[in-house]
Amino acid sequence: MSQAPARLEIRDLDIRFATDGGEVHAVDGVSLEVATGEILAVVGESGSGKSVTARSVLGLLPETAEASGTVLVSGTDVVRLTAAQMRRLRGEDVSMIFQEPSSALNPVFP
């Protein structure tokens, strides 16, 4: 019996930002796996790369960011997708509730 792929799989994620002051290495070799039905909490100090890692899953990194490694959502490598392909994936296969849910979740919108 074959095992279903992980819902989210991150392997050796590395993210760097080009800044006026030089390159900033924000994420260094992150690997994790989340199966369907599992819940994962990522905790750490402010500035440790939690939000940058989450944004990489959704393709929401700024243009100054350079990501390498593998980010698979249901077997699809999102690091390699075009903007149009990413838009189709968001909401259907992957989504994010940002840090201020009271401003991100409006009960008026379904």
C-alpha atoms as a PDB file:
ATOM      1  CA  MET A   1       0.000   0.000   0.000  1.00  0.00           C
ATOM      2  CA  SER A   2       1.555   3.320  -1.053  1.00  0.00           C
ATOM      3  CA  GLN A   3       1.690   6.214   1.360  1.00  0.00           C
ATOM      4  CA  ALA A   4       0.093   9.518   0.330  1.00  0.00           C
ATOM      5  CA  PRO A   5       2.535  12.406  -0.082  1.00  0.00           C
ATOM      6  CA  ALA A   6       2.801  14.889   2.755  1.00  0.00           C
ATOM      7  CA  ARG A   7       0.406  17.819   2.526  1.00  0.00           C
ATOM      8  CA  LEU A   8       3.406  20.126   3.041  1.00  0.00           C
ATOM      9  CA  GLU A   9       7.049  19.175   2.719  1.00  0.00           C
ATOM     10  CA  ILE A  10       9.915  21.621   3.028  1.00  0.00           C
ATOM     11  CA  ARG A  11      13.468  20.416   2.378  1.00  0.00           C
ATOM     12  CA  ASP A  12      16.607  22.496   2.891  1.00  0.00           C
ATOM     13  CA  LEU A  13      14.820  25.831   2.462  1.00  0.00           C
ATOM     14  CA  ASP A  14      17.250  28.716   2.234  1.00  0.00           C
ATOM     15  CA  ILE A  15      16.080  32.317   1.846  1.00  0.00           C
ATOM     16  CA  ARG A  16      18.261  35.384   1.414  1.00  0.00           C
ATOM     17  CA  PHE A  17      17.315  39.019   0.942  1.00  0.00           C
ATOM     18  CA  ALA A  18      19.258  41.607  -1.028  1.00  0.00           C
ATOM     19  CA  THR A  19      19.378  44.815   1.011  1.00  0.00           C
ATOM     20  CA  ASP A  20      21.209  48.128   0.740  1.00  0.00           C
ATOM     21  CA  GLY A  21      23.427  46.950   3.595  1.00  0.00           C
ATOM     22  CA  GLY A  22      24.247  43.645   1.916  1.00  0.00           C
ATOM     23  CA  GLU A  23      22.740  40.189   1.810  1.00  0.00           C
ATOM     24  CA  VAL A  24      20.621  38.985   4.751  1.00  0.00           C
ATOM     25  CA  HIS A  25      20.343  35.233   5.304  1.00  0.00           C
ATOM     26  CA  ALA A  26      16.839  34.902   6.811  1.00  0.00           C
ATOM     27  CA  VAL A  27      16.232  31.130   6.591  1.00  0.00           C
ATOM     28  CA  ASP A  28      18.995  28.536   6.654  1.00  0.00           C
ATOM     29  CA  GLY A  29      18.281  24.897   5.802  1.00  0.00           C
ATOM     30  CA  VAL A  30      14.740  24.521   7.186  1.00  0.00           C
ATOM     31  CA  SER A  31      13.163  21.091   6.677  1.00  0.00           C
ATOM     32  CA  LEU A  32       9.750  19.950   7.899  1.00  0.00           C
ATOM     33  CA  GLU A  33       6.851  17.745   6.888  1.00  0.00           C
ATOM     34  CA  VAL A  34       3.129  18.003   7.653  1.00  0.00           C
ATOM     35  CA  ALA A  35       0.759  15.158   6.789  1.00  0.00           C
ATOM     36  CA  THR A  36      -2.925  15.627   6.001  1.00  0.00           C
ATOM     37  CA  GLY A  37      -4.779  16.162   9.278  1.00  0.00           C
ATOM     38  CA  GLU A  38      -1.657  17.142  11.210  1.00  0.00           C
ATOM     39  CA  ILE A  39      -1.118  20.501  12.870  1.00  0.00           C
ATOM     40  CA  LEU A  40       2.314  22.077  13.128  1.00  0.00           C
ATOM     41  CA  ALA A  41       3.251  25.040  15.299  1.00  0.00           C
ATOM     42  CA  VAL A  42       6.409  26.914  14.415  1.00  0.00           C
ATOM     43  CA  VAL A  43       7.706  28.964  17.325  1.00  0.00           C
ATOM     44  CA  GLY A  44      10.786  31.079  17.815  1.00  0.00           C
ATOM     45  CA  GLU A  45      12.156  34.487  18.599  1.00  0.00           C
ATOM     46  CA  SER A  46      11.158  37.550  16.666  1.00  0.00           C
ATOM     47  CA  GLY A  47      13.217  37.669  13.474  1.00  0.00           C
ATOM     48  CA  SER A  48      13.996  33.940  13.457  1.00  0.00           C
ATOM     49  CA  GLY A  49      12.392  33.341  10.025  1.00  0.00           C
ATOM     50  CA  LYS A  50       8.958  31.937  10.938  1.00  0.00           C
ATOM     51  CA  SER A  51       6.938  34.344   8.790  1.00  0.00           C
ATOM     52  CA  VAL A  52       9.447  34.258   5.937  1.00  0.00           C
ATOM     53  CA  THR A  53       9.225  30.448   5.893  1.00  0.00           C
ATOM     54  CA  ALA A  54       5.405  30.575   5.879  1.00  0.00           C
ATOM     55  CA  ARG A  55       5.337  33.201   3.144  1.00  0.00           C
ATOM     56  CA  SER A  56       7.613  31.056   0.985  1.00  0.00           C
ATOM     57  CA  VAL A  57       4.968  28.320   1.029  1.00  0.00           C
ATOM     58  CA  LEU A  58       2.459  30.780  -0.433  1.00  0.00           C
ATOM     59  CA  GLY A  59       4.864  32.427  -2.863  1.00  0.00           C
ATOM     60  CA  LEU A  60       4.514  35.740  -1.034  1.00  0.00           C
ATOM     61  CA  LEU A  61       8.165  36.652  -0.727  1.00  0.00           C
ATOM     62  CA  PRO A  62       9.223  40.084  -2.009  1.00  0.00           C
ATOM     63  CA  GLU A  63      11.251  40.382  -5.196  1.00  0.00           C
ATOM     64  CA  THR A  64      14.377  41.054  -3.143  1.00  0.00           C
ATOM     65  CA  ALA A  65      14.203  37.491  -1.796  1.00  0.00           C
ATOM     66  CA  GLU A  66      15.994  34.525  -3.291  1.00  0.00           C
ATOM     67  CA  ALA A  67      14.728  31.101  -2.213  1.00  0.00           C
ATOM     68  CA  SER A  68      16.300  27.727  -2.804  1.00  0.00           C
ATOM     69  CA  GLY A  69      15.401  24.263  -1.643  1.00  0.00           C
ATOM     70  CA  THR A  70      12.140  22.435  -2.086  1.00  0.00           C
ATOM     71  CA  VAL A  71       8.664  23.470  -0.930  1.00  0.00           C
ATOM     72  CA  LEU A  72       6.057  20.874  -1.904  1.00  0.00           C
ATOM     73  CA  VAL A  73       2.335  21.476  -1.383  1.00  0.00           C
ATOM     74  CA  SER A  74       0.508  18.224  -2.083  1.00  0.00           C
ATOM     75  CA  GLY A  75       3.468  17.178  -4.241  1.00  0.00           C
ATOM     76  CA  THR A  76       3.710  20.444  -6.238  1.00  0.00           C
ATOM     77  CA  ASP A  77       6.969  22.405  -5.915  1.00  0.00           C
ATOM     78  CA  VAL A  78       5.725  25.959  -5.271  1.00  0.00           C
ATOM     79  CA  VAL A  79       9.211  27.517  -5.500  1.00  0.00           C
ATOM     80  CA  ARG A  80       9.156  26.832  -9.254  1.00  0.00           C
ATOM     81  CA  LEU A  81       5.570  28.005 -10.007  1.00  0.00           C
ATOM     82  CA  THR A  82       4.685  31.122 -11.955  1.00  0.00           C
ATOM     83  CA  ALA A  83       2.591  33.844 -10.310  1.00  0.00           C
ATOM     84  CA  ALA A  84      -0.531  32.672 -12.167  1.00  0.00           C
ATOM     85  CA  GLN A  85      -0.007  29.058 -11.094  1.00  0.00           C
ATOM     86  CA  MET A  86       0.505  30.187  -7.483  1.00  0.00           C
ATOM     87  CA  ARG A  87      -2.772  32.163  -7.529  1.00  0.00           C
ATOM     88  CA  ARG A  88      -4.636  28.989  -8.522  1.00  0.00           C
ATOM     89  CA  LEU A  89      -3.006  27.055  -5.688  1.00  0.00           C
ATOM     90  CA  ARG A  90      -3.715  29.638  -2.958  1.00  0.00           C
ATOM     91  CA  GLY A  91      -6.941  29.195  -1.055  1.00  0.00           C
ATOM     92  CA  GLU A  92      -7.641  25.824  -2.659  1.00  0.00           C
ATOM     93  CA  ASP A  93      -4.571  23.850  -1.561  1.00  0.00           C
ATOM     94  CA  VAL A  94      -2.785  26.206   0.828  1.00  0.00           C
ATOM     95  CA  SER A  95      -3.659  29.327   2.792  1.00  0.00           C
ATOM     96  CA  MET A  96      -2.433  31.355   5.726  1.00  0.00           C
ATOM     97  CA  ILE A  97      -3.999  33.247   8.590  1.00  0.00           C
ATOM     98  CA  PHE A  98      -1.691  36.161   9.251  1.00  0.00           C
ATOM     99  CA  GLN A  99      -0.567  37.186  12.740  1.00  0.00           C
ATOM    100  CA  GLU A 100      -3.450  39.598  13.300  1.00  0.00           C
ATOM    101  CA  PRO A 101      -6.492  37.383  12.613  1.00  0.00           C
ATOM    102  CA  SER A 102      -8.913  40.116  13.706  1.00  0.00           C
ATOM    103  CA  SER A 103      -7.798  42.245  10.761  1.00  0.00           C
ATOM    104  CA  ALA A 104      -7.265  39.312   8.351  1.00  0.00           C
ATOM    105  CA  LEU A 105     -10.554  37.506   9.031  1.00  0.00           C
ATOM    106  CA  ASN A 106     -13.568  39.629   8.255  1.00  0.00           C
ATOM    107  CA  PRO A 107     -16.907  37.935   9.117  1.00  0.00           C
ATOM    108  CA  VAL A 108     -18.575  39.862   6.274  1.00  0.00           C
ATOM    109  CA  PHE A 109     -16.617  37.856   3.679  1.00  0.00           C
ATOM    110  CA  PRO A 110     -17.109  34.092   3.291  1.00  0.00           C
END
